[in-house]
Amino acid sequence: MGKQRKTWSTDVKETIILSVLRGELGVAEAARQHGANESLIHTWKTQFLEAGRARVLGRTAPIWGLPAFLTTDQTRV
């Protein structure tokens, strides 16, 4: 049988991402400390920054884990 996927709370994701963005940890070090894959942390970081950018530009931030094109702003008529 395959390996069970680990689920990450948004609080843990945020803690990891902010430590990377502040320069307290590198992505590789954060991945080792938390038992996560480096590419997963890069994905979270990209999603976090895209959501922040959307808010700064006055748009609704995308939901964690969903692509930015699925935001409600682009579906309004």
Protein backbone atom coordinates (compact mmCIF):
# COMPACT_ATOMS: atom_id res chain seq x y z
CA MET A 1 0.00 0.00 0.00
CA GLY A 2 1.13 3.58 -0.70
CA LYS A 3 2.38 6.14 1.74
CA GLN A 4 -0.24 8.35 3.43
CA ARG A 5 -0.07 12.05 2.49
CA LYS A 6 0.67 14.51 5.24
CA THR A 7 -1.77 17.37 5.65
CA TRP A 8 -0.50 20.79 6.63
CA SER A 9 -2.51 23.38 8.55
CA THR A 10 -2.49 26.91 7.22
CA ASP A 11 -0.82 28.06 10.45
CA VAL A 12 2.12 25.69 9.92
CA LYS A 13 2.40 26.67 6.25
CA GLU A 14 2.41 30.34 7.22
CA THR A 15 5.07 29.79 9.88
CA ILE A 16 7.32 27.96 7.42
CA ILE A 17 6.82 30.50 4.62
CA LEU A 18 7.40 33.52 6.84
CA SER A 19 10.60 32.02 8.25
CA VAL A 20 11.84 31.53 4.67
CA LEU A 21 10.80 35.02 3.55
CA ARG A 22 12.43 36.63 6.60
CA GLY A 23 15.66 34.81 5.78
CA GLU A 24 15.63 32.90 9.08
CA LEU A 25 15.70 29.60 7.19
CA GLY A 26 16.52 28.58 3.67
CA VAL A 27 14.00 26.47 1.80
CA ALA A 28 16.16 23.35 2.12
CA GLU A 29 16.65 23.85 5.85
CA ALA A 30 12.92 24.52 6.43
CA ALA A 31 12.09 21.37 4.46
CA ARG A 32 14.45 19.27 6.58
CA GLN A 33 13.21 20.73 9.87
CA HIS A 34 9.54 20.22 9.06
CA GLY A 35 9.75 17.03 7.02
CA ALA A 36 8.39 18.68 3.89
CA ASN A 37 9.49 18.55 0.27
CA GLU A 38 11.37 21.62 -0.97
CA SER A 39 9.14 21.94 -4.03
CA LEU A 40 6.09 21.99 -1.76
CA ILE A 41 7.52 24.92 0.20
CA HIS A 42 8.29 26.74 -3.06
CA THR A 43 4.67 26.19 -4.14
CA TRP A 44 3.32 27.53 -0.82
CA LYS A 45 5.63 30.54 -1.07
CA THR A 46 4.41 31.33 -4.59
CA GLN A 47 0.76 30.99 -3.54
CA PHE A 48 1.36 33.18 -0.48
CA LEU A 49 3.04 35.92 -2.51
CA GLU A 50 0.36 35.79 -5.25
CA ALA A 51 -2.38 36.15 -2.62
CA GLY A 52 -0.59 39.13 -1.07
CA ARG A 53 -0.07 40.76 -4.46
CA ALA A 54 -3.75 40.34 -5.29
CA ARG A 55 -4.76 42.03 -2.02
CA VAL A 56 -2.37 44.94 -2.60
CA LEU A 57 -3.88 45.42 -6.05
CA GLY A 58 -7.36 45.50 -4.51
CA ARG A 59 -8.52 42.12 -5.71
CA THR A 60 -9.83 39.24 -3.68
CA ALA A 61 -6.92 37.03 -2.70
CA PRO A 62 -6.99 33.53 -4.13
CA ILE A 63 -7.78 30.74 -1.72
CA TRP A 64 -4.75 28.75 -0.58
CA GLY A 65 -4.08 25.95 -3.00
CA LEU A 66 -6.25 27.31 -5.83
CA PRO A 67 -4.82 29.02 -8.89
CA ALA A 68 -5.25 32.81 -9.00
CA PHE A 69 -7.49 32.59 -12.09
CA LEU A 70 -10.20 30.98 -9.94
CA THR A 71 -10.76 34.12 -7.85
CA THR A 72 -14.21 35.67 -7.80
CA ASP A 73 -12.96 38.95 -9.33
CA GLN A 74 -12.55 37.38 -12.72
CA THR A 75 -15.96 35.75 -12.72
CA ARG A 76 -17.91 38.99 -12.09
CA VAL A 77 -19.82 40.44 -15.00
